[in-house]
C-alpha cells in the first residue's frame, strides 16, 4: 500500500494511469497508416515494396507523393495525439504515452513487430512534449532531406538533436526520454548505417532504404 496525503492507496491503483497511458499510446502507434493508405488506394502491399518499411519514405517509392505526404502527417499526428490524449485522460502520464506510441509504431504486434523506424512519430512526440524541440527537429529533418536527399541521414540527425535541444530549452526532464528514443531510431536504421558505410545508401526517390 502507498500513501497519498495521509490516505492509504493500493499499489495496484497507482499503476492504472501509467498502464492506461502506455496501452493508449501503443494502440495509436501501432496503426500502420502507410500500409492502410497504400492498400486502400490500390498501390499494393507496402511490405512488398522497396525496403518493406511502412513509413512515408517507402510509400514514396510507390510513386504516390500525396500518399507519402499523408502518411508522414498521420504518423506525426499519432505521436502528438497519443501524448495529448493521455494528458487529458491520465494527467501527468504524457511521457509514458510517448514511449507507448513510439514502440507501437516501431513494433506493432499485428504486423509481427515489424513496423516503421519512428522518425515521423518521434517528431509528433516532441511536438507534444517540447514544441521548440519539434521546430528544430522539422528544420533539420526536412532541410537535410532537401540538401542531401538521403532520408536515413536526415532522420537520424533530427532524432539525435532532441536530447540536445531539450537541454538547450531547459527541458531536462525530457533529455533521457529523448535520448532513449533517438537511440532506438539509430537501432532501427542499422541496415541504413551499413549501407552508408558501404556507399550504397540510396537517395530519396531511389530504391531500397
Protein backbone atom coordinates (compact mmCIF):
# COMPACT_ATOMS: atom_id res chain seq x y z
CA UNK A 1 0.00 0.00 0.00
CA UNK A 2 1.19 3.52 -0.82
CA UNK A 3 0.01 6.63 1.00
CA UNK A 4 -1.24 9.88 -0.56
CA UNK A 5 -1.92 12.85 1.77
CA UNK A 6 -2.35 10.50 4.70
CA UNK A 7 -4.77 8.20 2.89
CA UNK A 8 -3.58 4.66 2.05
CA UNK A 9 -3.73 3.94 -1.67
CA UNK A 10 -3.46 0.49 -3.20
CA UNK A 11 -0.25 -0.02 -5.20
CA UNK A 12 -2.37 -1.50 -7.98
CA UNK A 13 -4.30 1.76 -8.31
CA UNK A 14 -1.07 3.72 -8.74
CA UNK A 15 -0.31 1.65 -11.83
CA UNK A 16 -3.66 2.17 -13.54
CA UNK A 17 -2.90 5.56 -15.09
CA UNK A 18 0.66 4.78 -16.31
CA UNK A 19 -0.54 1.45 -17.71
CA UNK A 20 -3.52 3.11 -19.35
CA UNK A 21 -1.30 5.76 -20.94
CA UNK A 22 1.14 3.11 -22.18
CA UNK A 23 -1.62 0.99 -23.74
CA UNK A 24 -3.34 4.01 -25.26
CA UNK A 25 -0.07 5.15 -26.77
CA UNK A 26 0.82 1.70 -28.09
CA UNK A 27 -2.57 1.18 -29.75
CA UNK A 28 -2.38 4.54 -31.50
CA UNK A 29 1.23 3.99 -32.52
CA UNK A 30 0.50 0.56 -33.94
CA UNK A 31 -1.92 1.94 -36.56
CA UNK A 32 0.08 1.40 -39.80
CA UNK A 33 -1.14 4.39 -41.77
CA UNK A 34 1.27 3.83 -44.66
CA UNK A 35 0.12 0.26 -45.13
CA UNK A 36 -3.56 1.19 -44.80
CA UNK A 37 -3.36 4.06 -47.28
CA UNK A 38 -1.47 2.11 -49.94
CA UNK A 39 -3.89 -0.81 -49.71
CA UNK A 40 -6.99 1.40 -49.80
CA UNK A 41 -5.75 3.26 -52.88
CA UNK A 42 -4.62 0.16 -54.76
CA UNK A 43 -0.91 0.99 -54.51
CA UNK A 44 -0.17 -2.53 -53.29
CA UNK A 45 1.18 -4.07 -50.09
CA UNK A 46 3.81 -1.65 -48.78
CA UNK A 47 5.69 -4.51 -47.14
CA UNK A 48 6.46 -5.90 -50.60
CA UNK A 49 7.71 -2.57 -51.98
CA UNK A 50 11.22 -1.12 -51.68
CA UNK A 51 12.59 -1.68 -48.19
CA UNK A 52 9.31 -3.16 -46.92
CA UNK A 53 9.12 -0.38 -44.33
CA UNK A 54 5.69 1.09 -43.51
CA UNK A 55 6.86 4.70 -43.29
CA UNK A 56 6.47 7.68 -45.61
CA UNK A 57 9.83 7.23 -47.37
CA UNK A 58 8.84 3.79 -48.57
CA UNK A 59 5.34 4.99 -49.52
CA UNK A 60 7.10 7.49 -51.79
CA UNK A 61 8.53 4.54 -53.72
CA UNK A 62 5.03 3.72 -54.92
CA UNK A 63 5.18 6.94 -56.92
CA UNK A 64 2.30 8.41 -54.91
CA UNK A 65 3.67 11.64 -53.44
CA UNK A 66 0.29 12.52 -51.97
CA UNK A 67 0.12 9.21 -50.12
CA UNK A 68 3.64 9.69 -48.82
CA UNK A 69 2.75 13.16 -47.52
CA UNK A 70 -0.44 11.84 -45.91
CA UNK A 71 1.47 9.00 -44.26
CA UNK A 72 4.05 11.44 -42.92
CA UNK A 73 1.40 13.75 -41.47
CA UNK A 74 -0.62 10.92 -39.93
CA UNK A 75 2.47 9.35 -38.35
CA UNK A 76 3.40 12.73 -36.87
CA UNK A 77 -0.20 13.24 -35.74
CA UNK A 78 -0.44 9.94 -33.89
CA UNK A 79 2.71 10.78 -31.92
CA UNK A 80 1.23 14.11 -30.87
CA UNK A 81 -2.27 12.72 -30.29
CA UNK A 82 -1.10 9.90 -28.01
CA UNK A 83 0.57 12.37 -25.66
CA UNK A 84 -2.28 14.90 -25.83
CA UNK A 85 -4.99 12.31 -25.19
CA UNK A 86 -3.02 10.75 -22.39
CA UNK A 87 -2.61 14.09 -20.66
CA UNK A 88 -6.35 14.68 -20.97
CA UNK A 89 -7.33 11.23 -19.65
CA UNK A 90 -4.33 10.39 -17.45
CA UNK A 91 -2.79 13.73 -16.36
CA UNK A 92 0.96 13.65 -15.93
CA UNK A 93 1.45 10.48 -17.98
CA UNK A 94 2.37 12.06 -21.31
CA UNK A 95 5.92 10.72 -21.28
CA UNK A 96 4.63 7.18 -20.69
CA UNK A 97 2.24 7.55 -23.62
CA UNK A 98 5.16 8.80 -25.72
CA UNK A 99 7.03 5.56 -25.06
CA UNK A 100 3.91 3.57 -25.92
CA UNK A 101 3.16 5.32 -29.21
CA UNK A 102 6.81 5.18 -30.32
CA UNK A 103 7.18 1.45 -29.69
CA UNK A 104 3.70 0.81 -31.10
CA UNK A 105 4.82 2.39 -34.36
CA UNK A 106 8.19 0.64 -34.45
CA UNK A 107 6.95 -2.74 -33.23
CA UNK A 108 3.20 -3.23 -33.96
CA UNK A 109 2.02 -6.59 -32.68
CA UNK A 110 -0.34 -7.24 -35.60
CA UNK A 111 2.45 -6.83 -38.13
CA UNK A 112 4.73 -9.31 -36.42
CA UNK A 113 6.50 -6.43 -34.61
CA UNK A 114 7.84 -5.17 -37.96
CA UNK A 115 6.91 -1.51 -38.10
CA UNK A 116 8.40 1.82 -39.05
CA UNK A 117 11.63 3.49 -37.99
CA UNK A 118 9.99 6.04 -35.73
CA UNK A 119 11.24 9.32 -37.22
CA UNK A 120 7.85 10.91 -38.01
CA UNK A 121 6.17 9.61 -34.86
CA UNK A 122 9.10 10.88 -32.79
CA UNK A 123 8.56 14.32 -34.27
CA UNK A 124 4.91 14.21 -33.16
CA UNK A 125 6.05 13.25 -29.67
CA UNK A 126 8.46 16.19 -29.48
CA UNK A 127 5.71 18.49 -30.76
CA UNK A 128 3.52 17.47 -27.82
CA UNK A 129 6.24 17.49 -25.15
CA UNK A 130 8.55 20.31 -26.27
CA UNK A 131 7.37 22.21 -29.34
CA UNK A 132 10.60 24.26 -29.78
CA UNK A 133 12.47 20.94 -29.99
CA UNK A 134 9.99 19.83 -32.66
CA UNK A 135 10.61 23.00 -34.65
CA UNK A 136 14.35 22.31 -34.78
CA UNK A 137 13.62 18.66 -35.49
CA UNK A 138 11.49 19.59 -38.51
CA UNK A 139 14.02 22.08 -39.85
CA UNK A 140 16.87 19.57 -39.58
CA UNK A 141 14.88 16.65 -40.95
CA UNK A 142 13.27 18.35 -43.92
CA UNK A 143 16.22 20.62 -44.57
CA UNK A 144 18.71 17.76 -44.71
CA UNK A 145 16.41 15.70 -46.94
CA UNK A 146 16.24 18.63 -49.35
CA UNK A 147 20.01 19.17 -49.17
CA UNK A 148 21.35 15.61 -49.10
CA UNK A 149 18.35 13.64 -50.40
CA UNK A 150 19.25 10.84 -48.00
CA UNK A 151 16.25 10.15 -45.78
CA UNK A 152 18.07 7.98 -43.26
CA UNK A 153 20.77 10.55 -42.51
CA UNK A 154 18.21 13.33 -42.13
CA UNK A 155 16.03 11.26 -39.82
CA UNK A 156 18.88 10.09 -37.60
CA UNK A 157 20.36 13.56 -37.21
CA UNK A 158 16.94 15.05 -36.43
CA UNK A 159 16.29 12.37 -33.81
CA UNK A 160 19.72 12.80 -32.21
CA UNK A 161 19.13 16.54 -31.92
CA UNK A 162 16.29 16.07 -29.45
CA UNK A 163 18.17 15.46 -26.18
CA UNK A 164 20.45 18.40 -27.02
CA UNK A 165 17.60 20.77 -27.83
CA UNK A 166 15.63 19.62 -24.78
CA UNK A 167 18.60 20.59 -22.60
CA UNK A 168 19.02 23.85 -24.55
CA UNK A 169 15.40 24.82 -23.83
CA UNK A 170 15.65 23.80 -20.17
CA UNK A 171 13.54 20.66 -20.53
CA UNK A 172 15.94 18.47 -18.59
CA UNK A 173 13.02 16.21 -17.67
CA UNK A 174 12.84 15.19 -21.34
CA UNK A 175 16.54 14.61 -22.00
CA UNK A 176 16.72 10.94 -21.00
CA UNK A 177 13.44 10.11 -22.73
CA UNK A 178 14.52 11.78 -25.97
CA UNK A 179 17.97 10.19 -25.76
CA UNK A 180 16.45 6.73 -25.35
CA UNK A 181 14.05 7.17 -28.27
CA UNK A 182 16.77 8.59 -30.51
CA UNK A 183 18.96 5.56 -29.80
CA UNK A 184 16.10 3.30 -30.85
CA UNK A 185 15.83 5.32 -34.07
CA UNK A 186 19.52 4.60 -34.68
CA UNK A 187 18.95 0.89 -33.99
CA UNK A 188 16.07 0.80 -36.46
CA UNK A 189 18.39 2.38 -39.05
CA UNK A 190 21.24 -0.10 -38.55
CA UNK A 191 20.86 -1.51 -42.09
CA UNK A 192 20.93 2.04 -43.45
CA UNK A 193 24.10 2.74 -41.46
CA UNK A 194 25.74 -0.32 -43.01
CA UNK A 195 24.80 0.91 -46.47
CA UNK A 196 26.04 4.42 -45.70
CA UNK A 197 29.40 2.99 -44.68
CA UNK A 198 29.47 0.92 -47.86
CA UNK A 199 28.45 3.90 -50.00
CA UNK A 200 25.34 2.12 -51.26
CA UNK A 201 22.60 4.01 -49.41
CA UNK A 202 20.04 5.25 -51.97
CA UNK A 203 18.77 8.79 -52.17
CA UNK A 204 15.14 9.83 -51.86
CA UNK A 205 13.28 8.58 -54.89
CA UNK A 206 15.67 5.66 -55.35
CA UNK A 207 15.45 2.01 -54.39
CA UNK A 208 15.66 0.31 -51.04
CA UNK A 209 16.23 2.35 -47.91
